[in-house]
Amino acid sequence: MKFIAFALLLTVCIATAFGEDNSSSTIKAVAETEIPNVTALQSMVANSSANLQSYRFIFETDQRMEIFNLSGLNNSSQVIQIKGLGHGSVNLTAKSVKLVMANLILPLGIEDDSSVVAVEEYLVNDTIYVKTDGNWIQMKLPIADLWTEQDRVEQQLQLLNNSNITFLGMEKVGGQECYKVGLSPDMAAYSKIVSEQMGGFPANINLSQLYNNSVMQITYLINKESYLLEKTEVYLAMSMTPQSLGVTPKGPEKQEIRQLINTTMSYFGYDKPVNIKLPPQAQMAKELPLSSNSP
């Protein structure tokens, strides 16, 4: 179960960084002269985001997780379908973040065992507060430059500057004309972003090794007028074993999880007022050390 829980934790982090959904967009061809210089586009996106005070985001995830038992002569597997929905608010001036999300977990073939996992999360200064199943925990994140590393927009800029970029045309998102660019990311840079968003927890996961054999397709939609991100998109295929997640199997069974993840993340409300209040119950939460390796 710890193996599966860690896999779900990674899904949450991936979901709040990237996404994929073209249902509300329209694509149009552009003349060669309209294609922006990649270096100039990177610079303009960085400049437009440099002094942001606040923003909001919503995201959806659609994940297929197949768990293989590789022990014995007849390998067996269980397929789990996970659909997630979430909303986040970021106040960079007050150094606070609120994230609320829910995952519907649907095991195919045994649908009666379906469940919903709801997560409410706050990051205030250097402490993260998480509520699951009605229980609160808190963890201090010992990161030197915490707010650069937890800022979702800043993470996108990091990835934009560490990828090969292809201009894909123009596309409207919510009535806004956007540059559409495809990214071929440096997987070392990507694993660093996910690690920073997780705050180094769990510390025993080797993300570089985990993403080494992954397949990823990323698309950014950048507002043509403001050069702010409107939407980020990703398709990710990856596999993992208990060992790659730092979990030592207690029995002889050999397990592997293969995942296909599609996620959408849309940004809005740039520099609009964001007031994040930490619930009193969260302040009383038990502190969980980041080095905890308990099962």
Protein backbone atom coordinates (compact mmCIF):
# COMPACT_ATOMS: atom_id res chain seq x y z
CA MET A 1 0.00 0.00 0.00
CA LYS A 2 2.91 2.36 0.70
CA PHE A 3 4.06 1.77 -2.89
CA ILE A 4 0.66 2.85 -4.27
CA ALA A 5 0.40 5.80 -1.86
CA PHE A 6 3.74 7.18 -3.07
CA ALA A 7 2.58 6.78 -6.68
CA LEU A 8 -0.55 8.82 -5.87
CA LEU A 9 1.58 11.48 -4.16
CA LEU A 10 3.60 11.89 -7.36
CA THR A 11 0.35 12.24 -9.31
CA VAL A 12 -0.72 15.16 -7.13
CA CYS A 13 2.59 16.93 -7.77
CA ILE A 14 2.43 16.31 -11.51
CA ALA A 15 -1.16 17.52 -11.62
CA THR A 16 -0.35 20.86 -10.02
CA ALA A 17 2.46 21.51 -12.46
CA PHE A 18 1.09 20.59 -15.90
CA GLY A 19 -1.97 19.54 -17.94
CA GLU A 20 -3.74 18.59 -21.20
CA ASP A 21 -7.16 19.51 -22.63
CA ASN A 22 -8.07 21.08 -25.96
CA SER A 23 -11.86 21.02 -25.57
CA SER A 24 -12.31 24.82 -25.26
CA SER A 25 -9.64 25.91 -27.74
CA THR A 26 -9.50 26.63 -31.46
CA ILE A 27 -6.33 26.40 -33.55
CA LYS A 28 -5.46 28.59 -36.51
CA ALA A 29 -2.55 28.71 -38.92
CA VAL A 30 -0.22 31.72 -38.84
CA ALA A 31 2.08 33.34 -41.34
CA GLU A 32 5.80 32.71 -41.04
CA THR A 33 6.33 36.35 -40.03
CA GLU A 34 4.11 35.88 -36.93
CA ILE A 35 6.25 33.11 -35.48
CA PRO A 36 8.03 34.57 -32.41
CA ASN A 37 11.73 34.18 -31.80
CA VAL A 38 12.05 31.50 -29.12
CA THR A 39 14.66 33.36 -27.09
CA ALA A 40 12.64 36.58 -27.21
CA LEU A 41 9.47 34.71 -26.21
CA GLN A 42 11.24 33.14 -23.22
CA SER A 43 12.46 36.57 -22.15
CA MET A 44 9.04 38.22 -22.50
CA VAL A 45 7.32 35.46 -20.51
CA ALA A 46 9.95 35.79 -17.77
CA ASN A 47 9.60 39.58 -17.66
CA SER A 48 5.80 39.51 -17.52
CA SER A 49 5.88 37.04 -14.62
CA ALA A 50 8.71 38.63 -12.67
CA ASN A 51 6.62 40.84 -10.37
CA LEU A 52 3.46 38.78 -9.97
CA GLN A 53 1.76 39.19 -6.60
CA SER A 54 -0.97 36.55 -6.87
CA TYR A 55 -2.83 34.19 -9.19
CA ARG A 56 -5.20 31.23 -9.20
CA PHE A 57 -5.29 27.95 -11.10
CA ILE A 58 -7.59 25.00 -11.74
CA PHE A 59 -6.61 21.54 -12.92
CA GLU A 60 -8.04 18.22 -13.98
CA THR A 61 -6.30 14.86 -14.17
CA ASP A 62 -7.17 11.61 -15.91
CA GLN A 63 -4.89 8.76 -14.93
CA ARG A 64 -4.76 5.07 -15.78
CA MET A 65 -2.69 3.09 -13.30
CA GLU A 66 -1.97 -0.58 -13.97
CA ILE A 67 -0.43 -2.55 -11.10
CA PHE A 68 1.41 -5.70 -12.16
CA ASN A 69 2.29 -8.62 -9.91
CA LEU A 70 5.30 -10.10 -11.69
CA SER A 71 5.71 -13.05 -9.33
CA GLY A 72 4.95 -16.63 -10.38
CA LEU A 73 4.24 -18.12 -13.79
CA ASN A 74 1.00 -16.23 -14.46
CA ASN A 75 1.52 -12.50 -14.09
CA SER A 76 -1.60 -10.67 -12.91
CA SER A 77 -2.57 -7.02 -13.01
CA GLN A 78 -5.14 -4.59 -11.61
CA VAL A 79 -6.21 -1.46 -13.47
CA ILE A 80 -7.20 1.63 -11.50
CA GLN A 81 -8.76 4.67 -13.15
CA ILE A 82 -8.24 7.96 -11.29
CA LYS A 83 -10.00 11.21 -12.11
CA GLY A 84 -9.01 14.33 -10.22
CA LEU A 85 -10.19 17.92 -9.97
CA GLY A 86 -8.55 20.74 -8.05
CA HIS A 87 -8.25 24.47 -7.45
CA GLY A 88 -5.38 26.53 -6.09
CA SER A 89 -4.73 30.10 -4.95
CA VAL A 90 -1.30 31.67 -4.60
CA ASN A 91 -0.41 34.87 -2.71
CA LEU A 92 3.27 35.51 -3.36
CA THR A 93 3.32 38.69 -1.28
CA ALA A 94 1.95 36.95 1.82
CA LYS A 95 3.85 33.73 1.02
CA SER A 96 0.78 31.51 1.20
CA VAL A 97 -0.83 28.87 -1.02
CA LYS A 98 -4.14 27.02 -0.78
CA LEU A 99 -4.82 23.85 -2.76
CA VAL A 100 -8.00 21.78 -2.69
CA MET A 101 -8.41 18.63 -4.77
CA ALA A 102 -10.40 15.41 -4.95
CA ASN A 103 -9.57 12.12 -6.65
CA LEU A 104 -12.13 9.50 -7.66
CA ILE A 105 -10.32 6.14 -7.50
CA LEU A 106 -12.08 3.50 -9.59
CA PRO A 107 -10.61 -0.07 -9.63
CA LEU A 108 -11.84 -1.64 -12.85
CA GLY A 109 -13.61 -4.95 -12.32
CA ILE A 110 -14.23 -4.25 -8.63
CA GLU A 111 -16.03 -0.93 -8.99
CA ASP A 112 -17.81 -1.46 -5.66
CA ASP A 113 -14.46 -0.72 -4.00
CA SER A 114 -14.33 2.77 -5.53
CA SER A 115 -13.41 5.63 -3.22
CA VAL A 116 -12.87 9.38 -3.17
CA VAL A 117 -9.75 10.93 -1.66
CA ALA A 118 -10.05 14.62 -0.80
CA VAL A 119 -6.99 16.72 0.02
CA GLU A 120 -6.87 20.22 1.46
CA GLU A 121 -3.41 21.74 1.58
CA TYR A 122 -1.93 25.04 2.74
CA LEU A 123 1.59 26.35 2.48
CA VAL A 124 2.31 29.26 4.83
CA ASN A 125 5.85 30.60 4.94
CA ASP A 126 7.97 27.44 5.41
CA THR A 127 5.27 25.07 6.68
CA ILE A 128 2.87 22.88 4.72
CA TYR A 129 -0.43 21.76 6.28
CA VAL A 130 -2.31 18.80 4.75
CA LYS A 131 -5.77 17.43 5.56
CA THR A 132 -6.78 13.96 4.40
CA ASP A 133 -9.58 11.77 5.80
CA GLY A 134 -10.43 14.58 8.22
CA ASN A 135 -6.97 14.53 9.81
CA TRP A 136 -4.39 17.32 9.68
CA ILE A 137 -0.60 17.01 9.61
CA GLN A 138 2.04 19.70 9.21
CA MET A 139 5.60 19.59 7.88
CA LYS A 140 8.33 22.20 7.79
CA LEU A 141 10.13 22.42 4.44
CA PRO A 142 13.86 22.99 4.93
CA ILE A 143 14.41 24.62 1.52
CA ALA A 144 16.68 27.63 1.08
CA ASP A 145 14.63 29.34 -1.63
CA LEU A 146 11.22 27.89 -0.80
CA TRP A 147 9.05 30.44 -2.56
CA THR A 148 10.87 30.31 -5.86
CA GLU A 149 10.57 26.53 -5.79
CA GLN A 150 6.90 26.34 -4.73
CA ASP A 151 5.68 29.03 -7.17
CA ARG A 152 3.91 27.13 -10.01
CA VAL A 153 4.47 29.92 -12.54
CA GLU A 154 8.16 30.07 -11.66
CA GLN A 155 8.37 26.32 -12.18
CA GLN A 156 6.94 26.67 -15.68
CA LEU A 157 9.56 29.31 -16.48
CA GLN A 158 12.29 26.97 -15.27
CA LEU A 159 11.01 24.25 -17.56
CA LEU A 160 10.57 26.67 -20.47
CA ASN A 161 14.24 27.60 -20.15
CA ASN A 162 15.36 23.95 -19.96
CA SER A 163 13.55 22.52 -22.99
CA ASN A 164 13.73 22.38 -26.74
CA ILE A 165 10.83 24.54 -27.96
CA THR A 166 8.73 24.16 -31.11
CA PHE A 167 6.23 26.81 -32.21
CA LEU A 168 2.91 25.07 -32.98
CA GLY A 169 0.74 28.01 -34.09
CA MET A 170 -1.87 30.22 -32.49
CA GLU A 171 -4.79 29.01 -30.37
CA LYS A 172 -7.63 30.74 -28.54
CA VAL A 173 -8.16 29.90 -24.88
CA GLY A 174 -11.18 31.48 -23.24
CA GLY A 175 -11.34 34.04 -26.04
CA GLN A 176 -7.67 35.01 -25.58
CA GLU A 177 -5.23 34.68 -28.50
CA CYS A 178 -2.28 32.56 -27.42
CA TYR A 179 1.04 31.34 -28.72
CA LYS A 180 1.08 27.56 -28.66
CA VAL A 181 4.49 25.98 -28.11
CA GLY A 182 5.59 22.40 -27.65
CA LEU A 183 8.33 21.50 -25.20
CA SER A 184 10.76 18.61 -25.19
CA PRO A 185 11.92 18.88 -21.58
CA ASP A 186 15.26 18.10 -20.07
CA MET A 187 14.12 15.26 -17.79
CA ALA A 188 16.75 16.13 -15.19
CA ALA A 189 15.25 19.64 -15.00
CA TYR A 190 11.74 18.21 -14.81
CA SER A 191 12.60 15.82 -11.97
CA LYS A 192 14.17 18.75 -10.11
CA ILE A 193 10.93 20.77 -10.43
CA VAL A 194 8.81 17.88 -9.10
CA SER A 195 11.28 17.30 -6.25
CA GLU A 196 11.14 20.96 -5.27
CA GLN A 197 7.35 21.00 -5.36
CA MET A 198 7.33 17.94 -3.07
CA GLY A 199 9.63 19.79 -0.68
CA GLY A 200 12.05 16.88 -0.60
CA PHE A 201 9.39 14.47 0.71
CA PRO A 202 9.66 11.53 0.63
CA ALA A 203 13.43 11.99 0.73
CA ASN A 204 14.25 8.44 -0.42
CA ILE A 205 12.69 8.72 -3.90
CA ASN A 206 15.20 8.99 -6.76
CA LEU A 207 13.19 11.13 -9.19
CA SER A 208 15.99 11.34 -11.76
CA GLN A 209 16.00 7.56 -12.06
CA LEU A 210 12.20 7.46 -11.98
CA TYR A 211 11.79 9.83 -14.95
CA ASN A 212 14.73 8.51 -16.94
CA ASN A 213 12.57 6.12 -19.01
CA SER A 214 9.42 8.25 -19.04
CA VAL A 215 7.73 9.62 -22.17
CA MET A 216 6.44 13.18 -21.92
CA GLN A 217 4.70 15.62 -24.24
CA ILE A 218 4.19 19.19 -22.99
CA THR A 219 2.36 22.16 -24.50
CA TYR A 220 2.25 25.76 -23.24
CA LEU A 221 -0.38 28.32 -24.24
CA ILE A 222 0.98 31.86 -23.69
CA ASN A 223 -1.22 34.95 -23.90
CA LYS A 224 -0.17 36.96 -26.98
CA GLU A 225 -0.81 40.33 -25.30
CA SER A 226 0.32 39.82 -21.70
CA TYR A 227 2.84 36.97 -22.26
CA LEU A 228 1.38 35.28 -19.17
CA LEU A 229 0.58 31.58 -19.11
CA GLU A 230 -3.04 30.71 -19.88
CA LYS A 231 -2.69 26.95 -19.82
CA THR A 232 -0.08 24.21 -19.52
CA GLU A 233 -0.62 20.71 -20.94
CA VAL A 234 1.08 17.35 -20.51
CA TYR A 235 0.86 13.71 -21.44
CA LEU A 236 3.09 11.48 -19.33
CA ALA A 237 3.74 7.75 -19.55
CA MET A 238 5.90 6.27 -16.82
CA SER A 239 6.55 3.09 -14.86
CA MET A 240 7.83 2.54 -11.35
CA THR A 241 8.77 -0.23 -8.95
CA PRO A 242 8.80 -0.20 -5.15
CA GLN A 243 12.58 0.18 -5.29
CA SER A 244 12.37 3.29 -7.50
CA LEU A 245 10.14 4.86 -4.84
CA GLY A 246 12.49 3.94 -2.01
CA VAL A 247 10.16 1.22 -0.68
CA THR A 248 11.64 -2.12 0.33
CA PRO A 249 9.21 -4.98 -0.45
CA LYS A 250 8.35 -7.05 2.65
CA GLY A 251 7.64 -10.23 0.70
CA PRO A 252 8.88 -12.09 -2.39
CA GLU A 253 6.31 -10.47 -4.69
CA LYS A 254 7.60 -8.33 -7.55
CA GLN A 255 5.43 -5.34 -8.42
CA GLU A 256 5.42 -2.66 -11.08
CA ILE A 257 3.07 0.28 -11.72
CA ARG A 258 2.60 1.67 -15.23
CA GLN A 259 0.85 5.01 -15.52
CA LEU A 260 -0.65 7.12 -18.27
CA ILE A 261 -1.48 10.63 -17.04
CA ASN A 262 -3.25 13.47 -18.84
CA THR A 263 -3.59 16.71 -16.91
CA THR A 264 -4.87 20.22 -17.61
CA MET A 265 -3.81 23.31 -15.69
CA SER A 266 -5.34 26.73 -16.41
CA TYR A 267 -4.18 30.00 -14.84
CA PHE A 268 -6.29 33.07 -14.15
CA GLY A 269 -6.82 35.99 -11.76
CA TYR A 270 -3.30 37.35 -12.09
CA ASP A 271 -2.67 40.03 -9.42
CA LYS A 272 -6.27 39.88 -8.19
CA PRO A 273 -6.75 39.91 -4.37
CA VAL A 274 -6.12 36.51 -2.75
CA ASN A 275 -6.87 36.10 0.97
CA ILE A 276 -5.77 32.72 2.33
CA LYS A 277 -6.75 31.85 5.91
CA LEU A 278 -5.27 28.84 7.65
CA PRO A 279 -7.97 26.86 9.52
CA PRO A 280 -7.47 26.73 13.32
CA GLN A 281 -7.45 22.91 13.22
CA ALA A 282 -4.44 23.00 10.88
CA GLN A 283 -2.43 25.09 13.34
CA MET A 284 -2.94 22.37 15.97
CA ALA A 285 -1.83 19.58 13.62
CA LYS A 286 0.82 17.09 14.59
CA GLU A 287 4.17 17.81 12.93
CA LEU A 288 5.43 15.03 10.67
CA PRO A 289 9.23 14.94 10.16
CA LEU A 290 10.25 14.88 6.51
CA SER A 291 12.67 12.05 7.22
CA SER A 292 9.83 9.80 8.36
CA ASN A 293 10.07 6.34 6.80
CA SER A 294 7.27 4.74 8.72
CA PRO A 295 5.05 2.33 6.73
